Amino acid sequence: MPRLSEVITALETLWPPERAESWDAVGTVAGDPGQEVGRVLFAVDPVQEIVDEAVKLGADLLVTHHPLYLRGTTTVAASTFKGRVVHTLIKNDIALHVAHTNADTADPGVSDALAGALDLRVVRPLVPDPSDPEGRRGLGRVCELDHPLTVRELAARAAERLPATAQGIRVAGDPDAVVRTVAVSGGSGDSLFDHVRAAGADAFLTADLRHHPASEARAHSPLALLDAAHWATEWPWCELAAAQLDEISDRHGWGLRVHVSKTVTDPWTAHAASITTDEPMGAPN
């Protein structure tokens, strides 16, 4: 079996840590470089449910998209949420490695996996990485549909293809408008509206859209918005990343057993639909 240091070297060829944003916290959080790795688990969030799953699975390495500590800390006491995660990892000899914004902009990266889940053909990055001479890396992706769909049909496809969450897919725009070009960005994407408009996209699929940016985006253009759960837009990357590590393992003869967690770690657990009436809000009974 390979050593952790060898597996980490391979992972960092896929997602070099120097390509992460300056505010990000990527790389190895816990683990002995000399320990052997035979089983790896990929997940979006390094939360206790996922760490417990890694323990039950007998994993030696947990790879997550979201960081455990994005900001500094003064304690890893097991009485704290994140401290308990650290204690569980160390007690069970499980290493933790994080690929966050360096996986977002990778080729292929988080948004490629999101596009692939919806059978969208990637054309180019939404926000190209200026350090990439080939113009393939960057944040988000501009995609085309093989056959035009209405906004309603595209939303239905997203709801069917992405992991189920309480939120589902929120839509802003004419449901019968025709969509040929789609911009996608896994995770929070409402800072990218200027790039989406510049790309000439008919629709934008992302997560965490806020009221004011969404309202302003709709006021500027007929752009349709599809807002999915943050976790759901990033989970497809886990399958992509696992396949990439599988390929590396086969090439080196490591024999790694690579798994993807299907545990839903989206924090929202239920959804109550509004009741539609013909009366305006606040009308007397």
Protein backbone atom coordinates (compact mmCIF):
# COMPACT_ATOMS: atom_id res chain seq x y z
CA MET A 1 0.00 0.00 0.00
CA PRO A 2 1.17 3.57 -0.64
CA ARG A 3 2.16 5.94 2.15
CA LEU A 4 -0.03 8.95 2.90
CA SER A 5 2.71 11.24 1.58
CA GLU A 6 2.57 9.49 -1.80
CA VAL A 7 -1.22 9.78 -2.04
CA ILE A 8 -1.12 13.44 -1.03
CA THR A 9 1.51 14.13 -3.70
CA ALA A 10 -0.84 12.58 -6.26
CA LEU A 11 -3.80 14.62 -5.02
CA GLU A 12 -1.79 17.81 -5.20
CA THR A 13 -0.98 17.15 -8.85
CA LEU A 14 -4.74 17.27 -9.43
CA TRP A 15 -5.38 20.28 -7.18
CA PRO A 16 -2.13 22.19 -6.51
CA PRO A 17 -2.47 24.05 -3.19
CA GLU A 18 -0.86 27.17 -4.65
CA ARG A 19 -3.92 27.61 -6.88
CA ALA A 20 -6.22 28.06 -3.88
CA GLU A 21 -7.47 31.54 -3.01
CA SER A 22 -5.32 33.40 -0.47
CA TRP A 23 -8.11 33.26 2.15
CA ASP A 24 -8.61 29.51 1.75
CA ALA A 25 -7.35 26.66 3.95
CA VAL A 26 -6.49 23.64 1.82
CA GLY A 27 -4.13 20.71 2.13
CA THR A 28 -3.59 18.06 4.79
CA VAL A 29 -5.28 18.82 8.10
CA ALA A 30 -4.43 15.61 9.97
CA GLY A 31 -2.41 12.48 9.28
CA ASP A 32 1.03 10.90 9.57
CA PRO A 33 2.88 11.17 6.23
CA GLY A 34 4.33 7.69 6.80
CA GLN A 35 1.06 5.88 7.47
CA GLU A 36 -0.19 3.39 4.89
CA VAL A 37 -3.35 4.17 2.94
CA GLY A 38 -5.58 1.44 1.60
CA ARG A 39 -9.06 2.96 1.64
CA VAL A 40 -10.13 6.53 0.83
CA LEU A 41 -13.47 8.28 1.33
CA PHE A 42 -14.52 11.44 -0.56
CA ALA A 43 -17.17 13.83 0.81
CA VAL A 44 -18.17 17.48 0.65
CA ASP A 45 -18.14 18.32 4.36
CA PRO A 46 -15.73 17.29 7.15
CA VAL A 47 -18.52 16.99 9.71
CA GLN A 48 -18.95 14.38 12.42
CA GLU A 49 -21.40 12.25 10.43
CA ILE A 50 -18.85 11.91 7.63
CA VAL A 51 -15.98 11.15 10.01
CA ASP A 52 -18.09 8.49 11.71
CA GLU A 53 -18.80 7.04 8.27
CA ALA A 54 -15.06 6.97 7.55
CA VAL A 55 -14.47 5.11 10.83
CA LYS A 56 -17.18 2.55 10.02
CA LEU A 57 -15.79 2.11 6.51
CA GLY A 58 -12.26 1.59 7.80
CA ALA A 59 -10.92 4.48 5.73
CA ASP A 60 -7.34 5.62 6.17
CA LEU A 61 -7.88 8.94 4.38
CA LEU A 62 -10.86 11.30 4.16
CA VAL A 63 -10.79 13.87 1.34
CA THR A 64 -13.31 16.70 1.59
CA HIS A 65 -14.11 19.75 -0.49
CA HIS A 66 -14.88 22.08 2.39
CA PRO A 67 -12.17 22.97 4.88
CA LEU A 68 -12.44 21.97 8.52
CA TYR A 69 -10.74 25.14 9.78
CA LEU A 70 -11.17 28.06 7.41
CA ARG A 71 -10.06 30.48 10.12
CA GLY A 72 -7.59 30.07 12.94
CA THR A 73 -8.49 28.34 16.19
CA THR A 74 -7.09 28.16 19.70
CA THR A 75 -8.49 24.77 20.68
CA VAL A 76 -9.15 21.28 19.37
CA ALA A 77 -10.93 20.21 22.55
CA ALA A 78 -13.32 17.34 21.93
CA SER A 79 -16.05 19.39 23.62
CA THR A 80 -16.18 21.57 20.49
CA PHE A 81 -17.80 20.58 17.19
CA LYS A 82 -14.61 20.70 15.14
CA GLY A 83 -12.41 19.49 17.96
CA ARG A 84 -14.45 16.32 18.22
CA VAL A 85 -13.88 15.76 14.50
CA VAL A 86 -10.12 16.11 15.00
CA HIS A 87 -10.11 13.73 17.98
CA THR A 88 -12.11 11.11 16.08
CA LEU A 89 -9.77 11.31 13.10
CA ILE A 90 -6.59 10.98 15.15
CA LYS A 91 -7.91 8.23 17.43
CA ASN A 92 -8.80 6.15 14.38
CA ASP A 93 -5.65 6.92 12.34
CA ILE A 94 -7.65 8.67 9.62
CA ALA A 95 -5.97 11.45 7.68
CA LEU A 96 -7.93 14.46 6.41
CA HIS A 97 -7.06 16.32 3.22
CA VAL A 98 -8.95 19.32 1.80
CA ALA A 99 -9.26 20.51 -1.82
CA HIS A 100 -11.46 23.60 -1.96
CA THR A 101 -10.93 26.59 -4.26
CA ASN A 102 -8.01 24.78 -5.90
CA ALA A 103 -10.58 22.12 -6.94
CA ASP A 104 -13.11 24.78 -7.97
CA THR A 105 -10.81 26.14 -10.68
CA ALA A 106 -9.14 22.87 -11.69
CA ASP A 107 -9.45 21.27 -15.13
CA PRO A 108 -11.58 19.25 -14.59
CA GLY A 109 -13.01 20.72 -11.43
CA VAL A 110 -16.16 21.23 -9.39
CA SER A 111 -18.14 23.01 -12.10
CA ASP A 112 -17.15 20.43 -14.75
CA ALA A 113 -18.63 17.75 -12.50
CA LEU A 114 -21.79 19.82 -12.04
CA ALA A 115 -22.11 20.30 -15.80
CA GLY A 116 -21.52 16.60 -16.39
CA ALA A 117 -24.29 15.63 -13.98
CA LEU A 118 -26.74 17.61 -16.13
CA ASP A 119 -25.33 16.46 -19.49
CA LEU A 120 -24.18 19.97 -20.34
CA ARG A 121 -21.32 20.38 -22.82
CA VAL A 122 -18.58 22.58 -21.35
CA VAL A 123 -17.38 25.28 -23.73
CA ARG A 124 -15.04 27.38 -21.58
CA PRO A 125 -14.47 28.68 -18.04
CA LEU A 126 -16.84 31.38 -16.87
CA VAL A 127 -13.96 33.25 -15.19
CA PRO A 128 -10.71 32.10 -16.84
CA ASP A 129 -7.58 31.64 -14.76
CA PRO A 130 -5.10 34.20 -16.19
CA SER A 131 -2.18 31.92 -15.29
CA ASP A 132 -3.49 29.13 -17.56
CA PRO A 133 -2.08 29.57 -21.10
CA GLU A 134 -4.55 26.99 -22.48
CA GLY A 135 -7.56 28.83 -21.07
CA ARG A 136 -9.15 25.71 -19.59
CA ARG A 137 -8.88 26.41 -15.86
CA GLY A 138 -11.01 28.90 -14.02
CA LEU A 139 -14.10 29.48 -11.92
CA GLY A 140 -17.45 28.24 -13.21
CA ARG A 141 -18.18 26.99 -16.71
CA VAL A 142 -20.09 28.20 -19.75
CA CYS A 143 -21.99 25.27 -21.25
CA GLU A 144 -24.26 24.41 -24.14
CA LEU A 145 -27.20 22.03 -24.38
CA ASP A 146 -27.26 19.46 -27.16
CA HIS A 147 -30.93 20.33 -27.61
CA PRO A 148 -32.70 23.47 -26.35
CA LEU A 149 -34.83 23.12 -23.23
CA THR A 150 -37.29 25.41 -21.53
CA VAL A 151 -36.35 26.79 -18.13
CA ARG A 152 -38.96 24.46 -16.65
CA GLU A 153 -37.38 21.43 -18.34
CA LEU A 154 -33.87 22.42 -17.30
CA ALA A 155 -35.00 22.86 -13.69
CA ALA A 156 -36.68 19.45 -13.79
CA ARG A 157 -33.45 17.90 -15.11
CA ALA A 158 -31.45 19.53 -12.33
CA ALA A 159 -33.91 18.31 -9.71
CA GLU A 160 -33.68 14.79 -11.12
CA ARG A 161 -29.92 14.60 -11.64
CA LEU A 162 -28.57 16.38 -8.55
CA PRO A 163 -28.75 14.74 -5.11
CA ALA A 164 -32.11 15.26 -3.43
CA THR A 165 -32.28 18.02 -0.81
CA ALA A 166 -35.07 19.74 1.09
CA GLN A 167 -34.57 22.89 -0.97
CA GLY A 168 -34.78 21.28 -4.39
CA ILE A 169 -34.33 23.80 -7.22
CA ARG A 170 -35.58 27.38 -6.91
CA VAL A 171 -36.25 29.15 -10.21
CA ALA A 172 -36.46 32.81 -11.21
CA GLY A 173 -37.61 33.69 -14.71
CA ASP A 174 -40.08 32.72 -17.38
CA PRO A 175 -40.52 28.91 -17.06
CA ASP A 176 -41.28 28.66 -20.78
CA ALA A 177 -38.23 30.63 -21.95
CA VAL A 178 -35.90 28.64 -24.21
CA VAL A 179 -32.42 27.83 -22.91
CA ARG A 180 -29.47 27.03 -25.17
CA THR A 181 -26.51 28.29 -23.14
CA VAL A 182 -26.10 27.66 -19.40
CA ALA A 183 -23.53 29.08 -16.99
CA VAL A 184 -22.83 26.87 -13.97
CA SER A 185 -20.85 27.37 -10.80
CA GLY A 186 -20.71 24.85 -7.98
CA GLY A 187 -21.23 26.48 -4.58
CA SER A 188 -22.05 30.14 -3.96
CA GLY A 189 -22.28 31.97 -7.28
CA ASP A 190 -24.02 35.31 -6.95
CA SER A 191 -20.73 37.21 -7.16
CA LEU A 192 -20.45 36.04 -10.78
CA PHE A 193 -23.45 37.76 -12.35
CA ASP A 194 -21.34 40.20 -14.38
CA HIS A 195 -19.43 37.28 -15.91
CA VAL A 196 -22.66 35.37 -16.59
CA ARG A 197 -24.17 38.35 -18.44
CA ALA A 198 -20.94 38.88 -20.38
CA ALA A 199 -21.04 35.21 -21.44
CA GLY A 200 -24.51 35.69 -22.92
CA ALA A 201 -25.95 32.76 -20.98
CA ASP A 202 -29.68 32.10 -21.07
CA ALA A 203 -29.65 30.53 -17.60
CA PHE A 204 -27.37 30.38 -14.56
CA LEU A 205 -27.30 27.32 -12.28
CA THR A 206 -25.54 27.79 -8.94
CA ALA A 207 -26.28 27.93 -5.19
CA ASP A 208 -26.81 30.37 -2.32
CA LEU A 209 -28.39 33.10 -4.44
CA ARG A 210 -29.32 36.08 -2.27
CA HIS A 211 -32.37 38.28 -2.65
CA HIS A 212 -30.80 41.56 -3.78
CA PRO A 213 -28.19 40.20 -6.23
CA ALA A 214 -30.83 37.91 -7.76
CA SER A 215 -33.32 40.76 -8.08
CA GLU A 216 -30.74 43.00 -9.72
CA ALA A 217 -29.64 40.26 -12.10
CA ARG A 218 -33.23 39.69 -13.20
CA ALA A 219 -33.76 43.43 -13.67
CA HIS A 220 -30.76 43.71 -16.01
CA SER A 221 -31.65 40.88 -18.38
CA PRO A 222 -34.04 37.98 -19.07
CA LEU A 223 -31.46 35.63 -17.49
CA ALA A 224 -33.13 32.64 -15.79
CA LEU A 225 -31.78 31.64 -12.39
CA LEU A 226 -31.70 28.12 -11.00
CA ASP A 227 -30.70 28.02 -7.35
CA ALA A 228 -29.84 24.58 -5.95
CA ALA A 229 -28.58 23.59 -2.51
CA HIS A 230 -24.88 24.38 -2.00
CA TRP A 231 -24.03 20.80 -1.03
CA ALA A 232 -25.90 19.36 -4.03
CA THR A 233 -23.98 21.47 -6.55
CA GLU A 234 -20.63 20.32 -5.16
CA TRP A 235 -21.33 16.65 -4.46
CA PRO A 236 -20.82 15.56 -8.12
CA TRP A 237 -17.17 16.61 -7.72
CA CYS A 238 -16.71 13.81 -5.18
CA GLU A 239 -17.48 11.22 -7.86
CA LEU A 240 -15.18 12.96 -10.34
CA ALA A 241 -12.36 13.21 -7.80
CA ALA A 242 -12.76 9.58 -6.74
CA ALA A 243 -12.52 8.47 -10.38
CA GLN A 244 -9.36 10.55 -10.82
CA LEU A 245 -7.72 8.95 -7.77
CA ASP A 246 -8.85 5.50 -8.95
CA GLU A 247 -7.04 6.10 -12.23
CA ILE A 248 -3.87 7.18 -10.44
CA SER A 249 -4.08 4.15 -8.15
CA ASP A 250 -4.37 1.80 -11.13
CA ARG A 251 -1.45 3.46 -12.88
CA HIS A 252 0.80 3.05 -9.84
CA GLY A 253 -0.52 -0.37 -8.87
CA TRP A 254 -1.56 0.88 -5.43
CA GLY A 255 -4.83 -1.05 -5.24
CA LEU A 256 -6.63 1.72 -3.35
CA ARG A 257 -10.28 1.19 -2.50
CA VAL A 258 -11.94 4.53 -3.19
CA HIS A 259 -15.45 5.42 -1.98
CA VAL A 260 -17.83 8.38 -2.24
CA SER A 261 -20.05 9.26 0.70
CA LYS A 262 -23.75 9.48 -0.10
CA THR A 263 -24.56 10.94 3.30
CA VAL A 264 -26.53 14.16 2.84
CA THR A 265 -24.81 16.90 4.83
CA ASP A 266 -26.91 19.78 3.52
CA PRO A 267 -27.99 21.57 6.73
CA TRP A 268 -31.60 22.07 5.60
CA THR A 269 -33.74 19.04 6.40
CA ALA A 270 -37.32 19.99 5.47
CA HIS A 271 -39.29 22.29 3.18
CA ALA A 272 -42.84 23.61 3.60
CA ALA A 273 -44.31 24.94 0.36
CA SER A 274 -46.23 28.21 0.51
CA ILE A 275 -50.00 28.04 0.05
CA THR A 276 -51.08 29.98 -3.03
CA THR A 277 -54.24 32.09 -2.85
CA ASP A 278 -55.88 34.63 -5.14
CA GLU A 279 -55.92 37.26 -2.41
CA PRO A 280 -53.02 39.70 -1.91
CA MET A 281 -50.96 39.34 1.25
CA GLY A 282 -52.52 41.14 4.17
CA ALA A 283 -56.02 41.16 2.71
CA PRO A 284 -58.75 41.00 5.38
CA ASN A 285 -60.67 37.74 5.82
